[in-house]
Amino acid sequence: MKVITLIPLRWHALSLFPFTIGGLTDSVNPCGLTIVVVFVMGLLAFGHLRPVLRKAGFFVAALFLTKFFMTAGLFEGFRSSSAFFFMGRMIYLLMGAVAIVLAGFHMRDWWVYKKTHSVEAFKIAWPAAIQSASQGVESPENIKAQSPWEKKRWSFLMFFGGIFMGFLGSVCPQPGYITTLLYAHIGRGRFLQAGFGLLVYSLGFVFPLLGAWALMMWMIRSQMCKSFLREHMAFCKIICSAALFAVGLGLIYTFF
């Protein structure tokens, strides 16, 4: 493999720093940010947040595994096809449009709240839903009455949702040097280094999701958070609107 001879010797050392930076960089490109927004907004769409949050680890695990195997070369032929890119592009454009519409709803809620100081007329419950979502704990009686599918459905949905978003996220190209480093290690027989590098790169990619997940778990338990939301509801609505508008505009600009 001639490409290996062009790489300075110091790049062949066991260094996880380039893989870490690559994963974190990949997580904040338009595709990576969209995954975080879909993850957070998807969870907040449920009235009973706590039971769903417990299953959110399946989404993160599925996304991690999908990123790991796809970076290793799995489904490379399918992902490099023009049909896959076109389909992903259309989905991202649709997501961008939906994000802008949701931003408009948040602005509408902000206006209503400024006039009435009531959350009853909100079109989008977040962030007011955090206050009630913390009470979303299923009773033992309800759990016993559920069928096996009802008990496991959120786990399955989260897992396959993570796989889907992992494929969709691969529409944006990953840093080119990641593949070069992997081939460099493999070409010199350093399979352990290549495996650890791939592991760290995939963990870096899901790191923002882990942070968002931990933050949401803290929010539904924190009295301080709920007090802050009550006092600054209008400000939170403006922030949500601005974030969604920026993501939507970024997606449309990137993929149009």
Protein backbone atom coordinates (compact mmCIF):
# COMPACT_ATOMS: atom_id res chain seq x y z
CA MET A 1 0.00 0.00 0.00
CA LYS A 2 1.92 2.98 -1.32
CA VAL A 3 -0.06 5.53 0.66
CA ILE A 4 1.53 4.27 3.89
CA THR A 5 5.03 5.24 2.76
CA LEU A 6 3.87 8.86 2.38
CA ILE A 7 2.82 9.13 6.02
CA PRO A 8 5.48 10.34 8.48
CA LEU A 9 6.64 7.71 10.93
CA ARG A 10 5.24 9.56 13.94
CA TRP A 11 1.69 8.98 12.64
CA HIS A 12 2.21 5.24 13.02
CA ALA A 13 2.62 5.51 16.79
CA LEU A 14 -0.22 4.50 19.07
CA SER A 15 -1.90 7.91 19.38
CA LEU A 16 -5.61 8.17 19.99
CA PHE A 17 -5.65 11.96 19.82
CA PRO A 18 -6.30 12.21 16.05
CA PHE A 19 -9.14 9.70 16.32
CA THR A 20 -10.65 11.60 19.26
CA ILE A 21 -10.52 14.91 17.40
CA GLY A 22 -11.92 13.24 14.28
CA GLY A 23 -14.90 11.80 16.15
CA LEU A 24 -15.68 15.08 17.92
CA THR A 25 -15.34 17.02 14.65
CA ASP A 26 -17.64 14.58 12.89
CA SER A 27 -20.22 14.95 15.66
CA VAL A 28 -20.62 18.71 15.09
CA ASN A 29 -20.95 18.73 11.30
CA PRO A 30 -24.50 19.35 9.95
CA CYS A 31 -25.32 15.62 9.97
CA GLY A 32 -23.99 15.08 13.48
CA LEU A 33 -25.80 18.10 14.91
CA THR A 34 -29.02 16.93 13.27
CA ILE A 35 -28.72 13.58 15.06
CA VAL A 36 -28.40 15.38 18.41
CA VAL A 37 -31.43 17.60 17.65
CA VAL A 38 -33.53 14.60 16.52
CA PHE A 39 -32.50 12.69 19.64
CA VAL A 40 -33.39 15.50 22.05
CA MET A 41 -36.57 16.65 20.31
CA GLY A 42 -37.71 13.06 19.83
CA LEU A 43 -37.43 12.37 23.54
CA LEU A 44 -39.13 15.61 24.51
CA ALA A 45 -42.09 14.74 22.30
CA PHE A 46 -43.26 12.22 24.90
CA GLY A 47 -45.36 13.24 27.85
CA HIS A 48 -43.76 10.67 30.15
CA LEU A 49 -40.10 11.42 29.69
CA ARG A 50 -38.45 9.34 32.41
CA PRO A 51 -39.39 5.82 31.15
CA VAL A 52 -38.37 6.78 27.60
CA LEU A 53 -35.07 8.26 28.76
CA ARG A 54 -34.15 4.95 30.35
CA LYS A 55 -34.41 3.33 26.91
CA ALA A 56 -32.45 6.10 25.14
CA GLY A 57 -29.23 4.18 25.74
CA PHE A 58 -30.31 1.75 23.03
CA PHE A 59 -30.33 4.64 20.53
CA VAL A 60 -26.82 5.73 21.54
CA ALA A 61 -25.51 2.15 21.48
CA ALA A 62 -27.00 1.47 18.04
CA LEU A 63 -25.56 4.73 16.67
CA PHE A 64 -22.14 3.87 18.10
CA LEU A 65 -22.14 0.36 16.58
CA THR A 66 -23.37 1.64 13.21
CA LYS A 67 -20.66 4.30 13.10
CA PHE A 68 -18.02 1.76 14.15
CA PHE A 69 -18.82 -0.82 11.48
CA MET A 70 -19.46 1.68 8.71
CA THR A 71 -16.12 3.40 9.34
CA ALA A 72 -14.55 -0.07 9.20
CA GLY A 73 -15.95 -0.38 5.65
CA LEU A 74 -19.28 -2.14 6.10
CA PHE A 75 -21.88 -1.27 3.41
CA GLU A 76 -19.31 0.89 1.62
CA GLY A 77 -20.75 0.08 -1.80
CA PHE A 78 -24.26 1.06 -0.78
CA ARG A 79 -23.19 4.25 1.00
CA SER A 80 -21.09 5.41 -1.95
CA SER A 81 -23.96 5.05 -4.43
CA SER A 82 -25.66 8.13 -5.87
CA ALA A 83 -29.09 6.77 -4.87
CA PHE A 84 -28.09 6.67 -1.19
CA PHE A 85 -26.75 10.23 -1.31
CA PHE A 86 -29.87 11.49 -3.09
CA MET A 87 -32.17 9.80 -0.56
CA GLY A 88 -30.16 11.16 2.37
CA ARG A 89 -30.12 14.62 0.84
CA MET A 90 -33.91 14.66 0.47
CA ILE A 91 -34.40 13.49 4.06
CA TYR A 92 -32.08 16.20 5.38
CA LEU A 93 -33.87 18.88 3.35
CA LEU A 94 -37.17 17.67 4.81
CA MET A 95 -35.69 17.75 8.31
CA GLY A 96 -34.44 21.27 7.69
CA ALA A 97 -37.91 22.40 6.67
CA VAL A 98 -39.47 20.70 9.71
CA ALA A 99 -36.90 22.35 12.01
CA ILE A 100 -37.80 25.80 10.65
CA VAL A 101 -41.52 25.10 11.13
CA LEU A 102 -40.87 24.00 14.73
CA ALA A 103 -38.82 27.16 15.27
CA GLY A 104 -41.87 29.12 14.16
CA PHE A 105 -44.07 27.26 16.65
CA HIS A 106 -41.63 28.10 19.46
CA MET A 107 -41.77 31.76 18.47
CA ARG A 108 -45.56 31.59 18.48
CA ASP A 109 -45.48 30.02 21.97
CA TRP A 110 -43.12 32.76 23.15
CA TRP A 111 -45.54 35.42 21.94
CA VAL A 112 -48.50 33.71 23.62
CA TYR A 113 -46.58 33.34 26.89
CA LYS A 114 -45.57 37.01 26.86
CA LYS A 115 -49.25 37.90 26.53
CA THR A 116 -50.85 35.39 28.91
CA HIS A 117 -48.04 33.98 31.10
CA SER A 118 -49.70 30.59 30.65
CA VAL A 119 -48.27 27.40 29.17
CA GLU A 120 -51.68 25.86 28.48
CA ALA A 121 -51.84 27.20 24.91
CA PHE A 122 -48.34 26.04 23.91
CA LYS A 123 -48.14 24.21 20.58
CA ILE A 124 -44.87 22.59 21.69
CA ALA A 125 -44.80 21.50 25.32
CA TRP A 126 -41.03 21.78 25.73
CA PRO A 127 -39.61 23.21 27.94
CA ALA A 128 -42.74 23.37 30.11
CA ALA A 129 -43.11 19.59 29.77
CA ILE A 130 -39.97 19.01 31.84
CA GLN A 131 -41.91 19.94 34.95
CA SER A 132 -44.60 17.30 34.37
CA ALA A 133 -42.37 14.80 32.59
CA SER A 134 -40.39 14.26 35.78
CA GLN A 135 -43.52 12.62 37.17
CA GLY A 136 -43.75 10.19 34.26
CA VAL A 137 -43.10 7.01 36.20
CA GLU A 138 -45.11 3.96 35.29
CA SER A 139 -46.80 2.19 38.19
CA PRO A 140 -46.03 -1.50 38.91
CA GLU A 141 -49.65 -2.34 38.05
CA ASN A 142 -49.37 -0.77 34.60
CA ILE A 143 -46.07 -2.51 33.95
CA LYS A 144 -47.55 -5.91 34.86
CA ALA A 145 -50.52 -5.32 32.56
CA GLN A 146 -48.30 -4.66 29.56
CA SER A 147 -47.64 -7.34 26.94
CA PRO A 148 -44.03 -8.45 26.28
CA TRP A 149 -43.99 -6.28 23.12
CA GLU A 150 -45.22 -3.21 25.03
CA LYS A 151 -42.46 -3.66 27.58
CA LYS A 152 -39.76 -3.88 24.90
CA ARG A 153 -41.11 -1.67 22.11
CA TRP A 154 -39.23 1.46 23.14
CA SER A 155 -35.98 -0.50 23.30
CA PHE A 156 -36.52 -1.79 19.75
CA LEU A 157 -37.63 1.58 18.42
CA MET A 158 -34.67 3.34 19.98
CA PHE A 159 -32.22 0.74 18.66
CA PHE A 160 -33.47 0.79 15.08
CA GLY A 161 -33.79 4.58 15.23
CA GLY A 162 -30.08 4.72 16.12
CA ILE A 163 -29.20 2.50 13.16
CA PHE A 164 -31.27 4.64 10.80
CA MET A 165 -29.68 7.88 12.02
CA GLY A 166 -26.24 6.27 11.81
CA PHE A 167 -26.78 5.52 8.12
CA LEU A 168 -28.23 8.97 7.56
CA GLY A 169 -25.29 10.59 9.31
CA SER A 170 -22.86 8.92 6.91
CA VAL A 171 -24.13 11.19 4.11
CA CYS A 172 -21.69 13.80 5.44
CA PRO A 173 -18.11 12.66 4.74
CA GLN A 174 -15.93 11.80 7.70
CA PRO A 175 -12.43 13.34 8.09
CA GLY A 176 -10.27 11.78 5.37
CA TYR A 177 -7.25 11.19 7.58
CA ILE A 178 -9.22 8.72 9.75
CA THR A 179 -9.33 6.18 6.91
CA THR A 180 -5.68 6.89 6.08
CA LEU A 181 -4.61 6.25 9.68
CA LEU A 182 -6.63 3.04 9.86
CA TYR A 183 -5.06 1.72 6.65
CA ALA A 184 -1.65 2.76 7.92
CA HIS A 185 -2.05 0.74 11.11
CA ILE A 186 -3.57 -2.26 9.32
CA GLY A 187 -0.89 -2.20 6.62
CA ARG A 188 1.82 -2.48 9.26
CA GLY A 189 0.01 -5.22 11.14
CA ARG A 190 -1.07 -2.98 14.01
CA PHE A 191 -4.59 -4.34 14.22
CA LEU A 192 -4.94 -3.53 17.93
CA GLN A 193 -4.05 0.12 17.33
CA ALA A 194 -6.50 0.29 14.43
CA GLY A 195 -9.26 -1.24 16.58
CA PHE A 196 -8.65 1.14 19.47
CA GLY A 197 -8.53 4.09 17.09
CA LEU A 198 -11.84 3.08 15.53
CA LEU A 199 -13.35 2.60 19.00
CA VAL A 200 -12.24 6.06 20.18
CA TYR A 201 -13.40 7.69 16.95
CA SER A 202 -16.88 6.16 17.31
CA LEU A 203 -17.06 7.16 20.99
CA GLY A 204 -16.11 10.72 20.05
CA PHE A 205 -18.93 10.76 17.54
CA VAL A 206 -21.60 9.82 20.12
CA PHE A 207 -20.08 11.94 22.91
CA PRO A 208 -22.51 14.90 22.38
CA LEU A 209 -25.42 12.45 22.58
CA LEU A 210 -24.12 11.08 25.86
CA GLY A 211 -23.82 14.64 27.16
CA ALA A 212 -27.37 15.49 26.05
CA TRP A 213 -28.69 12.28 27.59
CA ALA A 214 -26.98 12.96 30.93
CA LEU A 215 -28.21 16.58 30.91
CA MET A 216 -31.81 15.52 30.31
CA MET A 217 -31.62 12.92 33.08
CA TRP A 218 -30.41 15.66 35.42
CA MET A 219 -33.09 18.11 34.27
CA ILE A 220 -36.03 15.83 35.09
CA ARG A 221 -34.65 15.30 38.61
CA SER A 222 -33.46 18.82 39.40
CA GLN A 223 -35.70 21.21 41.32
CA MET A 224 -33.29 23.99 40.43
CA CYS A 225 -33.83 23.29 36.71
CA LYS A 226 -37.61 23.33 37.05
CA SER A 227 -37.44 26.60 39.00
CA PHE A 228 -35.26 28.12 36.29
CA LEU A 229 -37.71 27.05 33.58
CA ARG A 230 -40.63 28.58 35.45
CA GLU A 231 -38.81 31.87 35.84
CA HIS A 232 -37.31 32.05 32.34
CA MET A 233 -39.85 30.28 30.15
CA ALA A 234 -39.89 33.03 27.52
CA PHE A 235 -36.10 33.05 27.27
CA CYS A 236 -36.03 29.24 26.88
CA LYS A 237 -38.57 29.47 24.06
CA ILE A 238 -36.42 32.02 22.24
CA ILE A 239 -33.33 29.79 22.60
CA CYS A 240 -35.22 26.74 21.30
CA SER A 241 -36.52 28.73 18.34
CA ALA A 242 -33.09 30.13 17.48
CA ALA A 243 -31.42 26.71 17.74
CA LEU A 244 -34.00 24.99 15.53
CA PHE A 245 -33.93 27.81 12.99
CA ALA A 246 -30.12 27.65 12.81
CA VAL A 247 -30.15 23.86 12.35
CA GLY A 248 -32.88 24.03 9.71
CA LEU A 249 -31.17 26.82 7.79
CA GLY A 250 -27.83 24.99 8.01
CA LEU A 251 -29.32 21.77 6.60
CA ILE A 252 -31.06 23.53 3.74
CA TYR A 253 -27.92 25.51 2.91
CA THR A 254 -25.74 22.38 3.04
CA PHE A 255 -27.93 20.01 1.03
CA PHE A 256 -29.91 22.25 -1.33
